[in-house]
Protein backbone atom coordinates (compact mmCIF):
# COMPACT_ATOMS: atom_id res chain seq x y z
CA MET A 1 8.57 2.43 -3.15
CA CYS A 2 5.14 3.64 -2.26
CA ASP A 3 4.93 5.03 1.00
CA LYS A 4 6.42 3.06 4.14
CA LEU A 5 4.07 3.38 6.89
CA TYR A 6 0.93 2.39 4.82
CA ASP A 7 2.92 -0.32 2.72
CA VAL A 8 2.36 -2.70 5.82
CA GLY A 9 2.76 -5.46 3.51
CA GLN A 10 6.48 -3.69 2.76
CA ASP A 11 6.35 -4.16 -0.70
CA GLY A 12 6.74 -0.79 -2.09
CA PHE A 13 3.16 -0.92 -3.69
CA LEU A 14 -0.21 0.23 -1.75
CA ASP A 15 -2.64 -3.03 -2.31
CA LEU A 16 -6.60 -2.21 -1.52
CA ALA A 17 -6.31 -3.16 2.25
CA GLU A 18 -3.51 -0.43 2.71
CA LEU A 19 -5.32 2.01 0.67
CA LYS A 20 -8.66 1.11 2.51
CA ILE A 21 -6.64 1.69 5.68
CA MET A 22 -5.04 5.32 4.39
CA MET A 23 -7.93 6.38 3.49
CA GLU A 24 -10.19 5.70 6.58
CA LYS A 25 -7.50 7.76 8.62
CA LEU A 26 -7.37 11.04 6.03
CA GLY A 27 -11.25 11.01 7.50
CA ALA A 28 -12.64 9.73 3.62
CA PRO A 29 -13.89 5.75 3.75
CA GLN A 30 -14.05 4.43 0.67
CA THR A 31 -16.04 1.34 -0.18
CA HIS A 32 -14.40 -1.89 -1.65
CA LEU A 33 -15.56 -0.45 -4.97
CA SER A 34 -14.53 3.00 -4.85
CA LEU A 35 -11.30 1.40 -3.68
CA LYS A 36 -11.09 -1.04 -6.67
CA ALA A 37 -11.95 2.47 -9.28
CA MET A 38 -9.63 4.38 -7.27
CA ILE A 39 -6.29 1.87 -7.59
CA SER A 40 -7.38 1.17 -11.47
CA GLU A 41 -8.17 4.59 -12.95
CA VAL A 42 -3.77 4.95 -11.73
CA ASP A 43 -2.62 1.58 -12.23
CA GLU A 44 -0.90 1.16 -15.33
CA ASP A 45 0.94 -0.98 -14.78
CA LYS A 46 -2.23 -3.32 -14.40
CA ASP A 47 -1.33 -5.31 -11.22
CA GLY A 48 -3.82 -4.59 -9.05
CA LYS A 49 -1.72 -2.01 -6.62
CA ILE A 50 -0.60 1.35 -6.45
CA SER A 51 3.72 2.13 -7.07
CA PHE A 52 5.24 5.23 -5.55
CA ARG A 53 4.91 6.39 -9.58
CA GLU A 54 1.29 6.07 -9.57
CA PHE A 55 0.77 7.42 -6.50
CA LEU A 56 2.51 10.52 -7.81
CA LEU A 57 0.49 10.62 -10.94
CA ILE A 58 -3.09 11.31 -8.92
CA TYR A 59 -1.82 14.71 -8.38
CA ARG A 60 -0.61 14.92 -12.20
CA LYS A 61 -4.07 14.05 -12.94
CA ALA A 62 -5.49 16.33 -10.04
CA LYS A 63 -3.37 19.26 -11.49
CA ALA A 64 -4.60 18.93 -15.57
CA GLY A 65 -8.18 18.38 -13.52
CA GLU A 66 -8.46 14.54 -14.65
CA LEU A 67 -10.26 13.39 -11.64
CA THR A 68 -13.58 13.25 -11.62
CA SER A 69 -15.14 15.42 -8.50
CA GLU A 70 -15.06 13.30 -5.13
CA SER A 71 -13.83 10.83 -6.19
CA GLY A 72 -11.75 8.88 -3.97
CA LEU A 73 -8.53 9.76 -5.78
CA GLU A 74 -10.07 14.04 -5.91
CA GLN A 75 -10.59 13.20 -1.71
CA LEU A 76 -7.08 11.53 -1.04
CA ALA A 77 -5.31 14.85 -3.51
CA ARG A 78 -7.31 17.36 -1.45
CA LEU A 79 -6.62 15.88 1.53
CA THR A 80 -3.16 15.30 1.02
CA GLU A 81 -2.27 18.50 -1.21
CA ILE A 82 1.49 19.90 -1.47
CA SER A 83 3.32 21.35 -4.14
CA VAL A 84 5.80 19.03 -5.76
CA GLU A 85 6.61 22.45 -7.54
CA GLU A 86 8.42 23.58 -4.31
CA VAL A 87 9.25 21.13 -2.10
CA GLY A 88 10.45 18.60 -4.85
CA VAL A 89 9.72 15.06 -5.04
CA ASN A 90 11.76 13.62 -2.11
CA GLY A 91 10.08 16.80 0.29
CA ALA A 92 6.89 15.57 -0.86
CA LYS A 93 7.30 11.28 0.08
CA ASN A 94 8.86 12.98 3.43
CA PHE A 95 5.69 14.99 4.29
CA PHE A 96 3.79 11.29 3.62
CA GLU A 97 5.26 9.54 5.12
CA ALA A 98 5.18 12.01 8.37
CA LYS A 99 2.20 12.55 7.82
CA ILE A 100 0.84 8.94 8.13
CA GLU A 101 3.34 7.82 10.48
CA GLU A 102 1.70 10.73 13.22
CA GLN A 103 -1.40 9.14 11.96
CA LEU A 104 -1.24 5.38 12.75
CA LYS A 105 0.80 6.12 16.16
CA THR A 106 -2.54 4.36 17.61
CA ASN A 107 -3.43 2.08 14.92
CA LYS A 108 -4.02 -1.46 16.49
CA PHE A 109 -5.27 -2.98 13.48
CA HIS A 110 -2.22 -1.73 11.46
CA ASP A 111 0.06 -3.74 13.85
CA GLU A 112 -2.13 -7.01 13.56
CA ILE A 113 -2.09 -6.68 10.06
CA ARG A 114 1.64 -6.96 10.15
CA GLN A 115 1.69 -9.46 13.05
CA GLU A 116 -1.14 -11.47 10.99
CA GLN A 117 1.59 -11.30 7.50
CA GLU A 118 4.23 -11.78 9.43
CA GLU A 119 2.62 -15.35 10.74
CA ARG A 120 2.32 -15.86 7.90
CA LYS A 121 5.47 -15.77 6.43
CA ARG A 122 6.54 -17.79 9.58
CA ALA A 123 4.29 -19.93 8.51
CA GLU A 124 5.34 -20.04 5.25
CA GLN A 125 8.61 -20.76 6.25
CA GLU A 126 8.73 -23.46 8.25
CA LYS A 127 6.54 -25.24 5.62
CA ILE A 128 9.40 -24.88 3.02
CA VAL A 129 11.60 -26.20 5.41
CA ARG A 130 9.46 -29.22 6.36
CA ARG A 131 8.80 -29.95 3.03
CA ALA A 132 12.63 -29.64 2.45
CA GLN A 133 13.59 -31.88 5.19
CA PHE A 134 11.08 -34.73 4.34
CA GLN A 135 11.92 -34.74 0.52
CA GLN A 136 15.19 -35.54 2.09
CA LYS A 137 14.17 -38.23 4.41
CA ALA A 138 13.02 -39.44 1.13
CA ALA A 139 15.74 -39.25 -1.26
CA ILE A 140 16.70 -41.69 1.06
CA PHE A 141 14.14 -44.30 0.20
CA ASN A 142 14.57 -44.18 -3.38
CA ASN A 143 17.68 -44.84 -3.60
């Protein structure tokens, strides 16, 4: 799973909007095209999102010198540098979660996005219920 705090959709991935928020909070805002390039550079399964495994790939690439100097991913790796060898993967995950939680405490935008997503989910559920009720009533007339 990717970072729980920036993963406002709580789907285990970072999408473009969530990556945008993350980079802004780290003090390295990116353009839309830069964000898309960042995702595409580590998006091994080509789903347009960054999984936790793909997120860790950023650091493997940084360590191997495979990231372009001053690219968005290079900035992300530099700003959040931690030695996985020293603290392990869980230690790194906890480090990122704590760092991001601290930064998001006052993030109204994050709360607004989550609220909008919850409202959309509620509306979709209501739509499904209404459709099922309509189909039940329609079935009476079709018999």
